[in-house]
Amino acid sequence: HYYDLYDPDDIPLPESFDHPTAARTDLPAHMQRVYQIGAEKPDAF
């Protein structure tokens, strides 16, 4: 029952959700690469 205990429709998103890291231009290339790897392997870590 813990799987359905909370309704996703009741969950507010963080204030920063619409300011994605991927859109930033003030980060070094290797930091952006970390998130690119995540996009390529979302079921990893």
All heavy atoms as atom14 arrays in JSON, in Angstrom:
{
  "sequence": "HYYDLYDPDDIPLPESFDHPTAARTDLPAHMQRVYQIGAEKPDAF",
  "atom14_mask": [
    [1, 1, 1, 1, 1, 1, 1, 1, 1, 1, 0, 0, 0, 0],
    [1, 1, 1, 1, 1, 1, 1, 1, 1, 1, 1, 1, 0, 0],
    [1, 1, 1, 1, 1, 1, 1, 1, 1, 1, 1, 1, 0, 0],
    [1, 1, 1, 1, 1, 1, 1, 1, 0, 0, 0, 0, 0, 0],
    [1, 1, 1, 1, 1, 1, 1, 1, 0, 0, 0, 0, 0, 0],
    [1, 1, 1, 1, 1, 1, 1, 1, 1, 1, 1, 1, 0, 0],
    [1, 1, 1, 1, 1, 1, 1, 1, 0, 0, 0, 0, 0, 0],
    [1, 1, 1, 1, 1, 1, 1, 0, 0, 0, 0, 0, 0, 0],
    [1, 1, 1, 1, 1, 1, 1, 1, 0, 0, 0, 0, 0, 0],
    [1, 1, 1, 1, 1, 1, 1, 1, 0, 0, 0, 0, 0, 0],
    [1, 1, 1, 1, 1, 1, 1, 1, 0, 0, 0, 0, 0, 0],
    [1, 1, 1, 1, 1, 1, 1, 0, 0, 0, 0, 0, 0, 0],
    [1, 1, 1, 1, 1, 1, 1, 1, 0, 0, 0, 0, 0, 0],
    [1, 1, 1, 1, 1, 1, 1, 0, 0, 0, 0, 0, 0, 0],
    [1, 1, 1, 1, 1, 1, 1, 1, 1, 0, 0, 0, 0, 0],
    [1, 1, 1, 1, 1, 1, 0, 0, 0, 0, 0, 0, 0, 0],
    [1, 1, 1, 1, 1, 1, 1, 1, 1, 1, 1, 0, 0, 0],
    [1, 1, 1, 1, 1, 1, 1, 1, 0, 0, 0, 0, 0, 0],
    [1, 1, 1, 1, 1, 1, 1, 1, 1, 1, 0, 0, 0, 0],
    [1, 1, 1, 1, 1, 1, 1, 0, 0, 0, 0, 0, 0, 0],
    [1, 1, 1, 1, 1, 1, 1, 0, 0, 0, 0, 0, 0, 0],
    [1, 1, 1, 1, 1, 0, 0, 0, 0, 0, 0, 0, 0, 0],
    [1, 1, 1, 1, 1, 0, 0, 0, 0, 0, 0, 0, 0, 0],
    [1, 1, 1, 1, 1, 1, 1, 1, 1, 1, 1, 0, 0, 0],
    [1, 1, 1, 1, 1, 1, 1, 0, 0, 0, 0, 0, 0, 0],
    [1, 1, 1, 1, 1, 1, 1, 1, 0, 0, 0, 0, 0, 0],
    [1, 1, 1, 1, 1, 1, 1, 1, 0, 0, 0, 0, 0, 0],
    [1, 1, 1, 1, 1, 1, 1, 0, 0, 0, 0, 0, 0, 0],
    [1, 1, 1, 1, 1, 0, 0, 0, 0, 0, 0, 0, 0, 0],
    [1, 1, 1, 1, 1, 1, 1, 1, 1, 1, 0, 0, 0, 0],
    [1, 1, 1, 1, 1, 1, 1, 1, 0, 0, 0, 0, 0, 0],
    [1, 1, 1, 1, 1, 1, 1, 1, 1, 0, 0, 0, 0, 0],
    [1, 1, 1, 1, 1, 1, 1, 1, 1, 1, 1, 0, 0, 0],
    [1, 1, 1, 1, 1, 1, 1, 0, 0, 0, 0, 0, 0, 0],
    [1, 1, 1, 1, 1, 1, 1, 1, 1, 1, 1, 1, 0, 0],
    [1, 1, 1, 1, 1, 1, 1, 1, 1, 0, 0, 0, 0, 0],
    [1, 1, 1, 1, 1, 1, 1, 1, 0, 0, 0, 0, 0, 0],
    [1, 1, 1, 1, 0, 0, 0, 0, 0, 0, 0, 0, 0, 0],
    [1, 1, 1, 1, 1, 0, 0, 0, 0, 0, 0, 0, 0, 0],
    [1, 1, 1, 1, 1, 1, 1, 1, 1, 0, 0, 0, 0, 0],
    [1, 1, 1, 1, 1, 1, 1, 1, 1, 0, 0, 0, 0, 0],
    [1, 1, 1, 1, 1, 1, 1, 0, 0, 0, 0, 0, 0, 0],
    [1, 1, 1, 1, 1, 1, 1, 1, 0, 0, 0, 0, 0, 0],
    [1, 1, 1, 1, 1, 0, 0, 0, 0, 0, 0, 0, 0, 0],
    [1, 1, 1, 1, 1, 1, 1, 1, 1, 1, 1, 0, 0, 0]
  ],
  "atom14_positions": [
    [[0.82, -1.22, 0.0], [0.0, 0.0, 0.0], [0.85, 1.27, 0.0], [0.34, 2.35, -0.31], [-0.96, -0.02, 1.19], [-0.36, 0.45, 2.48], [0.47, -0.34, 3.26], [-0.47, 1.65, 3.13], [0.83, 0.34, 4.35], [0.28, 1.54, 4.28], [0.0, 0.0, 0.0], [0.0, 0.0, 0.0], [0.0, 0.0, 0.0], [0.0, 0.0, 0.0]],
    [[2.14, 1.15, 0.34], [2.99, 2.33, 0.36], [3.22, 2.87, -1.06], [3.52, 4.06, -1.23], [4.34, 2.01, 1.0], [4.24, 1.67, 2.46], [4.32, 0.34, 2.88], [4.04, 2.65, 3.43], [4.22, 0.0, 4.22], [3.94, 2.32, 4.78], [4.03, 1.0, 5.16], [3.93, 0.67, 6.49], [0.0, 0.0, 0.0], [0.0, 0.0, 0.0]],
    [[3.04, 2.03, -2.07], [3.24, 2.46, -3.45], [2.19, 3.5, -3.87], [2.48, 4.42, -4.64], [3.18, 1.24, -4.37], [3.63, 1.49, -5.79], [4.98, 1.42, -6.13], [2.72, 1.8, -6.8], [5.41, 1.63, -7.44], [3.14, 2.02, -8.11], [4.48, 1.94, -8.42], [4.9, 2.16, -9.71], [0.0, 0.0, 0.0], [0.0, 0.0, 0.0]],
    [[0.98, 3.36, -3.36], [-0.12, 4.27, -3.72], [-0.52, 5.19, -2.57], [-1.58, 5.82, -2.62], [-1.35, 3.45, -4.16], [-1.05, 2.59, -5.38], [-0.61, 3.15, -6.4], [-1.25, 1.36, -5.31], [0.0, 0.0, 0.0], [0.0, 0.0, 0.0], [0.0, 0.0, 0.0], [0.0, 0.0, 0.0], [0.0, 0.0, 0.0], [0.0, 0.0, 0.0]],
    [[0.32, 5.26, -1.56], [-0.06, 6.02, -0.36], [-0.21, 7.51, -0.64], [-1.06, 8.19, -0.05], [0.98, 5.78, 0.73], [0.64, 6.27, 2.14], [-0.63, 5.6, 2.66], [1.82, 5.99, 3.09], [0.0, 0.0, 0.0], [0.0, 0.0, 0.0], [0.0, 0.0, 0.0], [0.0, 0.0, 0.0], [0.0, 0.0, 0.0], [0.0, 0.0, 0.0]],
    [[0.58, 8.03, -1.55], [0.53, 9.47, -1.86], [0.15, 9.66, -3.33], [0.68, 8.98, -4.22], [1.89, 10.11, -1.58], [2.25, 10.1, -0.12], [3.03, 9.05, 0.41], [1.8, 11.08, 0.75], [3.35, 9.03, 1.75], [2.12, 11.05, 2.1], [2.89, 10.02, 2.6], [3.2, 9.99, 3.94], [0.0, 0.0, 0.0], [0.0, 0.0, 0.0]],
    [[-0.77, 10.59, -3.57], [-1.25, 10.89, -4.91], [-0.3, 11.9, -5.55], [-0.11, 13.0, -5.02], [-2.66, 11.48, -4.83], [-3.29, 11.67, -6.2], [-2.56, 11.69, -7.21], [-4.53, 11.85, -6.25], [0.0, 0.0, 0.0], [0.0, 0.0, 0.0], [0.0, 0.0, 0.0], [0.0, 0.0, 0.0], [0.0, 0.0, 0.0], [0.0, 0.0, 0.0]],
    [[0.3, 11.56, -6.69], [1.21, 12.52, -7.34], [0.56, 13.87, -7.62], [1.26, 14.9, -7.63], [1.59, 11.81, -8.64], [1.43, 10.35, -8.34], [0.26, 10.27, -7.4], [0.0, 0.0, 0.0], [0.0, 0.0, 0.0], [0.0, 0.0, 0.0], [0.0, 0.0, 0.0], [0.0, 0.0, 0.0], [0.0, 0.0, 0.0], [0.0, 0.0, 0.0]],
    [[-0.76, 13.88, -7.83], [-1.44, 15.16, -8.1], [-1.41, 16.09, -6.9], [-1.61, 17.3, -7.05], [-2.89, 14.91, -8.51], [-3.0, 14.25, -9.88], [-2.03, 14.33, -10.65], [-4.05, 13.63, -10.16], [0.0, 0.0, 0.0], [0.0, 0.0, 0.0], [0.0, 0.0, 0.0], [0.0, 0.0, 0.0], [0.0, 0.0, 0.0], [0.0, 0.0, 0.0]],
    [[-1.14, 15.54, -5.71], [-1.08, 16.36, -4.5], [0.33, 16.87, -4.21], [0.53, 17.57, -3.22], [-1.57, 15.54, -3.29], [-3.03, 15.15, -3.4], [-3.78, 15.87, -4.1], [-3.42, 14.13, -2.81], [0.0, 0.0, 0.0], [0.0, 0.0, 0.0], [0.0, 0.0, 0.0], [0.0, 0.0, 0.0], [0.0, 0.0, 0.0], [0.0, 0.0, 0.0]],
    [[1.29, 16.5, -5.04], [2.69, 16.82, -4.77], [3.08, 18.12, -5.46], [3.06, 18.21, -6.7], [3.62, 15.69, -5.25], [3.22, 14.35, -4.63], [5.07, 16.03, -4.95], [3.36, 14.29, -3.13], [0.0, 0.0, 0.0], [0.0, 0.0, 0.0], [0.0, 0.0, 0.0], [0.0, 0.0, 0.0], [0.0, 0.0, 0.0], [0.0, 0.0, 0.0]],
    [[3.43, 19.16, -4.72], [3.92, 20.38, -5.37], [5.36, 20.2, -5.84], [6.14, 19.48, -5.24], [3.84, 21.43, -4.25], [3.99, 20.63, -2.99], [3.36, 19.29, -3.26], [0.0, 0.0, 0.0], [0.0, 0.0, 0.0], [0.0, 0.0, 0.0], [0.0, 0.0, 0.0], [0.0, 0.0, 0.0], [0.0, 0.0, 0.0], [0.0, 0.0, 0.0]],
    [[5.68, 20.86, -6.94], [7.05, 20.81, -7.44], [7.9, 21.86, -6.72], [7.39, 22.89, -6.27], [7.06, 21.08, -8.95], [6.4, 20.01, -9.82], [6.3, 20.49, -11.26], [7.18, 18.71, -9.74], [0.0, 0.0, 0.0], [0.0, 0.0, 0.0], [0.0, 0.0, 0.0], [0.0, 0.0, 0.0], [0.0, 0.0, 0.0], [0.0, 0.0, 0.0]],
    [[9.2, 21.62, -6.6], [10.07, 22.62, -5.97], [10.03, 23.95, -6.7], [9.76, 24.02, -7.91], [11.46, 21.97, -6.07], [11.21, 20.51, -6.22], [9.93, 20.4, -6.98], [0.0, 0.0, 0.0], [0.0, 0.0, 0.0], [0.0, 0.0, 0.0], [0.0, 0.0, 0.0], [0.0, 0.0, 0.0], [0.0, 0.0, 0.0], [0.0, 0.0, 0.0]],
    [[10.3, 25.02, -5.96], [10.28, 26.37, -6.54], [11.25, 26.49, -7.71], [11.03, 27.29, -8.63], [10.63, 27.39, -5.46], [9.59, 27.55, -4.37], [8.33, 28.23, -4.87], [8.44, 29.04, -5.82], [7.24, 27.96, -4.34], [0.0, 0.0, 0.0], [0.0, 0.0, 0.0], [0.0, 0.0, 0.0], [0.0, 0.0, 0.0], [0.0, 0.0, 0.0]],
    [[12.33, 25.73, -7.68], [13.35, 25.85, -8.72], [13.13, 24.92, -9.9], [13.95, 24.86, -10.81], [14.74, 25.58, -8.13], [14.83, 24.23, -7.68], [0.0, 0.0, 0.0], [0.0, 0.0, 0.0], [0.0, 0.0, 0.0], [0.0, 0.0, 0.0], [0.0, 0.0, 0.0], [0.0, 0.0, 0.0], [0.0, 0.0, 0.0], [0.0, 0.0, 0.0]],
    [[12.01, 24.18, -9.92], [11.82, 23.15, -10.93], [11.92, 23.7, -12.35], [12.5, 23.06, -13.24], [10.48, 22.44, -10.75], [10.24, 21.34, -11.74], [10.81, 20.09, -11.56], [9.46, 21.55, -12.88], [10.61, 19.07, -12.49], [9.25, 20.54, -13.81], [9.83, 19.3, -13.61], [0.0, 0.0, 0.0], [0.0, 0.0, 0.0], [0.0, 0.0, 0.0]],
    [[11.38, 24.88, -12.59], [11.37, 25.46, -13.93], [12.63, 26.25, -14.24], [12.65, 27.03, -15.21], [10.13, 26.34, -14.11], [8.84, 25.53, -14.12], [8.85, 24.42, -14.67], [7.83, 26.0, -13.56], [0.0, 0.0, 0.0], [0.0, 0.0, 0.0], [0.0, 0.0, 0.0], [0.0, 0.0, 0.0], [0.0, 0.0, 0.0], [0.0, 0.0, 0.0]],
    [[13.67, 26.07, -13.45], [14.98, 26.67, -13.72], [15.99, 25.52, -13.85], [16.85, 25.31, -13.0], [15.4, 27.62, -12.6], [14.5, 28.8, -12.44], [13.25, 28.7, -11.85], [14.65, 30.1, -12.81], [12.68, 29.9, -11.86], [13.5, 30.76, -12.43], [0.0, 0.0, 0.0], [0.0, 0.0, 0.0], [0.0, 0.0, 0.0], [0.0, 0.0, 0.0]],
    [[15.89, 24.74, -14.95], [16.68, 23.5, -15.05], [18.18, 23.76, -15.19], [18.61, 24.73, -15.82], [16.13, 22.83, -16.3], [15.57, 23.95, -17.12], [15.03, 24.93, -16.12], [0.0, 0.0, 0.0], [0.0, 0.0, 0.0], [0.0, 0.0, 0.0], [0.0, 0.0, 0.0], [0.0, 0.0, 0.0], [0.0, 0.0, 0.0], [0.0, 0.0, 0.0]],
    [[18.94, 22.87, -14.59], [20.4, 22.95, -14.69], [20.85, 22.91, -16.13], [21.82, 23.59, -16.52], [21.03, 21.78, -13.9], [20.57, 21.83, -12.55], [22.54, 21.87, -13.92], [0.0, 0.0, 0.0], [0.0, 0.0, 0.0], [0.0, 0.0, 0.0], [0.0, 0.0, 0.0], [0.0, 0.0, 0.0], [0.0, 0.0, 0.0], [0.0, 0.0, 0.0]],
    [[20.17, 22.14, -16.97], [20.58, 21.98, -18.37], [20.53, 23.29, -19.14], [21.22, 23.43, -20.17], [19.7, 20.94, -19.05], [0.0, 0.0, 0.0], [0.0, 0.0, 0.0], [0.0, 0.0, 0.0], [0.0, 0.0, 0.0], [0.0, 0.0, 0.0], [0.0, 0.0, 0.0], [0.0, 0.0, 0.0], [0.0, 0.0, 0.0], [0.0, 0.0, 0.0]],
    [[19.75, 24.25, -18.67], [19.63, 25.52, -19.38], [20.68, 26.54, -18.95], [20.77, 27.62, -19.54], [18.24, 26.1, -19.17], [0.0, 0.0, 0.0], [0.0, 0.0, 0.0], [0.0, 0.0, 0.0], [0.0, 0.0, 0.0], [0.0, 0.0, 0.0], [0.0, 0.0, 0.0], [0.0, 0.0, 0.0], [0.0, 0.0, 0.0], [0.0, 0.0, 0.0]],
    [[21.48, 26.21, -17.97], [22.45, 27.18, -17.46], [23.68, 27.27, -18.37], [24.15, 26.27, -18.91], [22.88, 26.79, -16.04], [21.78, 26.98, -15.01], [22.2, 26.55, -13.63], [23.38, 27.28, -13.16], [23.87, 27.14, -11.93], [23.29, 26.32, -11.08], [24.94, 27.82, -11.57], [0.0, 0.0, 0.0], [0.0, 0.0, 0.0], [0.0, 0.0, 0.0]],
    [[24.21, 28.46, -18.46], [25.42, 28.7, -19.25], [26.6, 29.09, -18.37], [27.67, 29.42, -18.89], [25.17, 29.81, -20.28], [24.78, 31.02, -19.6], [24.08, 29.4, -21.27], [0.0, 0.0, 0.0], [0.0, 0.0, 0.0], [0.0, 0.0, 0.0], [0.0, 0.0, 0.0], [0.0, 0.0, 0.0], [0.0, 0.0, 0.0], [0.0, 0.0, 0.0]],
    [[26.39, 29.06, -17.06], [27.44, 29.5, -16.13], [28.09, 28.33, -15.39], [28.57, 28.47, -14.28], [26.87, 30.49, -15.11], [25.73, 29.91, -14.28], [25.17, 28.87, -14.7], [25.39, 30.49, -13.24], [0.0, 0.0, 0.0], [0.0, 0.0, 0.0], [0.0, 0.0, 0.0], [0.0, 0.0, 0.0], [0.0, 0.0, 0.0], [0.0, 0.0, 0.0]],
    [[28.12, 27.15, -16.05], [28.72, 25.97, -15.45], [29.8, 25.42, -16.37], [29.67, 25.51, -17.61], [27.66, 24.88, -15.21], [26.55, 25.21, -14.21], [25.54, 24.07, -14.18], [27.12, 25.45, -12.82], [0.0, 0.0, 0.0], [0.0, 0.0, 0.0], [0.0, 0.0, 0.0], [0.0, 0.0, 0.0], [0.0, 0.0, 0.0], [0.0, 0.0, 0.0]],
    [[30.86, 24.83, -15.83], [31.89, 24.23, -16.68], [31.35, 23.06, -17.47], [30.36, 22.42, -17.09], [32.96, 23.8, -15.68], [32.27, 23.7, -14.37], [31.17, 24.71, -14.4], [0.0, 0.0, 0.0], [0.0, 0.0, 0.0], [0.0, 0.0, 0.0], [0.0, 0.0, 0.0], [0.0, 0.0, 0.0], [0.0, 0.0, 0.0], [0.0, 0.0, 0.0]],
    [[32.02, 22.74, -18.58], [31.55, 21.7, -19.48], [31.44, 20.35, -18.79], [30.49, 19.58, -19.05], [32.47, 21.61, -20.69], [0.0, 0.0, 0.0], [0.0, 0.0, 0.0], [0.0, 0.0, 0.0], [0.0, 0.0, 0.0], [0.0, 0.0, 0.0], [0.0, 0.0, 0.0], [0.0, 0.0, 0.0], [0.0, 0.0, 0.0], [0.0, 0.0, 0.0]],
    [[32.39, 20.03, -17.91], [32.32, 18.71, -17.27], [31.11, 18.59, -16.36], [30.57, 17.49, -16.18], [33.62, 18.42, -16.49], [33.77, 19.18, -15.22], [34.55, 20.31, -15.11], [33.26, 18.99, -13.98], [34.52, 20.76, -13.87], [33.73, 19.97, -13.17], [0.0, 0.0, 0.0], [0.0, 0.0, 0.0], [0.0, 0.0, 0.0], [0.0, 0.0, 0.0]],
    [[30.65, 19.7, -15.78], [29.46, 19.64, -14.94], [28.21, 19.42, -15.79], [27.32, 18.63, -15.44], [29.33, 20.92, -14.11], [28.26, 20.86, -13.04], [28.49, 19.52, -11.84], [29.98, 20.07, -11.0], [0.0, 0.0, 0.0], [0.0, 0.0, 0.0], [0.0, 0.0, 0.0], [0.0, 0.0, 0.0], [0.0, 0.0, 0.0], [0.0, 0.0, 0.0]],
    [[28.14, 20.08, -16.93], [27.02, 19.83, -17.84], [27.03, 18.39, -18.34], [25.98, 17.78, -18.54], [27.1, 20.8, -19.02], [26.81, 22.25, -18.68], [25.34, 22.5, -18.39], [24.53, 21.58, -18.29], [24.97, 23.77, -18.25], [0.0, 0.0, 0.0], [0.0, 0.0, 0.0], [0.0, 0.0, 0.0], [0.0, 0.0, 0.0], [0.0, 0.0, 0.0]],
    [[28.23, 17.84, -18.53], [28.34, 16.48, -19.01], [27.74, 15.47, -18.05], [27.17, 14.44, -18.46], [29.82, 16.14, -19.28], [30.09, 14.73, -19.76], [29.43, 14.44, -21.1], [29.66, 13.06, -21.52], [28.77, 12.33, -22.17], [27.59, 12.83, -22.5], [29.05, 11.09, -22.52], [0.0, 0.0, 0.0], [0.0, 0.0, 0.0], [0.0, 0.0, 0.0]],
    [[27.83, 15.74, -16.75], [27.24, 14.85, -15.75], [25.76, 14.66, -16.02], [25.23, 13.53, -15.99], [27.47, 15.42, -14.33], [26.65, 14.65, -13.31], [28.95, 15.37, -13.96], [0.0, 0.0, 0.0], [0.0, 0.0, 0.0], [0.0, 0.0, 0.0], [0.0, 0.0, 0.0], [0.0, 0.0, 0.0], [0.0, 0.0, 0.0], [0.0, 0.0, 0.0]],
    [[25.06, 15.76, -16.32], [23.62, 15.68, -16.55], [23.3, 15.08, -17.92], [22.24, 14.46, -18.1], [23.0, 17.07, -16.38], [23.19, 17.59, -14.97], [24.29, 18.36, -14.63], [22.28, 17.27, -13.96], [24.49, 18.81, -13.33], [22.47, 17.71, -12.66], [23.58, 18.47, -12.35], [23.78, 18.9, -11.06], [0.0, 0.0, 0.0], [0.0, 0.0, 0.0]],
    [[24.2, 15.25, -18.89], [24.02, 14.61, -20.18], [24.1, 13.09, -20.05], [23.33, 12.35, -20.65], [25.06, 15.12, -21.17], [24.88, 16.58, -21.55], [26.09, 17.13, -22.29], [27.02, 16.39, -22.63], [26.11, 18.44, -22.53], [0.0, 0.0, 0.0], [0.0, 0.0, 0.0], [0.0, 0.0, 0.0], [0.0, 0.0, 0.0], [0.0, 0.0, 0.0]],
    [[25.05, 12.62, -19.23], [25.17, 11.18, -18.99], [23.9, 10.67, -18.34], [23.38, 9.6, -18.68], [26.39, 10.89, -18.1], [27.69, 11.24, -18.83], [26.41, 9.41, -17.69], [28.91, 11.2, -17.95], [0.0, 0.0, 0.0], [0.0, 0.0, 0.0], [0.0, 0.0, 0.0], [0.0, 0.0, 0.0], [0.0, 0.0, 0.0], [0.0, 0.0, 0.0]],
    [[23.36, 11.43, -17.39], [22.11, 11.04, -16.75], [20.96, 10.92, -17.74], [20.13, 10.01, -17.64], [0.0, 0.0, 0.0], [0.0, 0.0, 0.0], [0.0, 0.0, 0.0], [0.0, 0.0, 0.0], [0.0, 0.0, 0.0], [0.0, 0.0, 0.0], [0.0, 0.0, 0.0], [0.0, 0.0, 0.0], [0.0, 0.0, 0.0], [0.0, 0.0, 0.0]],
    [[20.9, 11.83, -18.71], [19.86, 11.77, -19.73], [20.01, 10.53, -20.59], [19.01, 9.93, -21.04], [19.9, 13.02, -20.59], [0.0, 0.0, 0.0], [0.0, 0.0, 0.0], [0.0, 0.0, 0.0], [0.0, 0.0, 0.0], [0.0, 0.0, 0.0], [0.0, 0.0, 0.0], [0.0, 0.0, 0.0], [0.0, 0.0, 0.0], [0.0, 0.0, 0.0]],
    [[21.24, 10.12, -20.82], [21.51, 8.93, -21.63], [21.24, 7.64, -20.85], [20.9, 6.61, -21.45], [22.96, 8.94, -22.1], [23.3, 10.12, -23.02], [24.8, 10.34, -23.15], [25.57, 9.53, -22.57], [25.21, 11.31, -23.8], [0.0, 0.0, 0.0], [0.0, 0.0, 0.0], [0.0, 0.0, 0.0], [0.0, 0.0, 0.0], [0.0, 0.0, 0.0]],
    [[21.39, 7.68, -19.52], [21.26, 6.49, -18.68], [20.37, 6.78, -17.48], [20.81, 6.72, -16.33], [22.63, 6.02, -18.21], [23.61, 5.7, -19.33], [24.97, 5.31, -18.77], [25.96, 4.98, -19.86], [27.29, 4.61, -19.31], [0.0, 0.0, 0.0], [0.0, 0.0, 0.0], [0.0, 0.0, 0.0], [0.0, 0.0, 0.0], [0.0, 0.0, 0.0]],
    [[19.08, 7.1, -17.7], [18.23, 7.49, -16.57], [17.92, 6.38, -15.59], [17.46, 6.65, -14.48], [16.95, 7.98, -17.26], [16.93, 7.24, -18.57], [18.38, 7.14, -18.97], [0.0, 0.0, 0.0], [0.0, 0.0, 0.0], [0.0, 0.0, 0.0], [0.0, 0.0, 0.0], [0.0, 0.0, 0.0], [0.0, 0.0, 0.0], [0.0, 0.0, 0.0]],
    [[18.17, 5.12, -15.97], [17.93, 4.04, -15.03], [19.21, 3.62, -14.3], [19.24, 2.58, -13.64], [17.32, 2.82, -15.74], [15.8, 2.81, -15.64], [15.29, 3.05, -14.53], [15.14, 2.59, -16.66], [0.0, 0.0, 0.0], [0.0, 0.0, 0.0], [0.0, 0.0, 0.0], [0.0, 0.0, 0.0], [0.0, 0.0, 0.0], [0.0, 0.0, 0.0]],
    [[20.26, 4.44, -14.41], [21.5, 4.18, -13.68], [21.48, 5.01, -12.39], [20.48, 5.01, -11.67], [22.7, 4.51, -14.56], [0.0, 0.0, 0.0], [0.0, 0.0, 0.0], [0.0, 0.0, 0.0], [0.0, 0.0, 0.0], [0.0, 0.0, 0.0], [0.0, 0.0, 0.0], [0.0, 0.0, 0.0], [0.0, 0.0, 0.0], [0.0, 0.0, 0.0]],
    [[22.55, 5.71, -12.11], [22.58, 6.47, -10.85], [23.14, 7.88, -11.03], [23.57, 8.51, -10.09], [23.39, 5.73, -9.78], [24.66, 5.1, -10.28], [25.83, 5.83, -10.37], [24.67, 3.78, -10.7], [26.99, 5.25, -10.84], [25.84, 3.19, -11.18], [27.01, 3.93, -11.25], [0.0, 0.0, 0.0], [0.0, 0.0, 0.0], [0.0, 0.0, 0.0]]
  ]
}
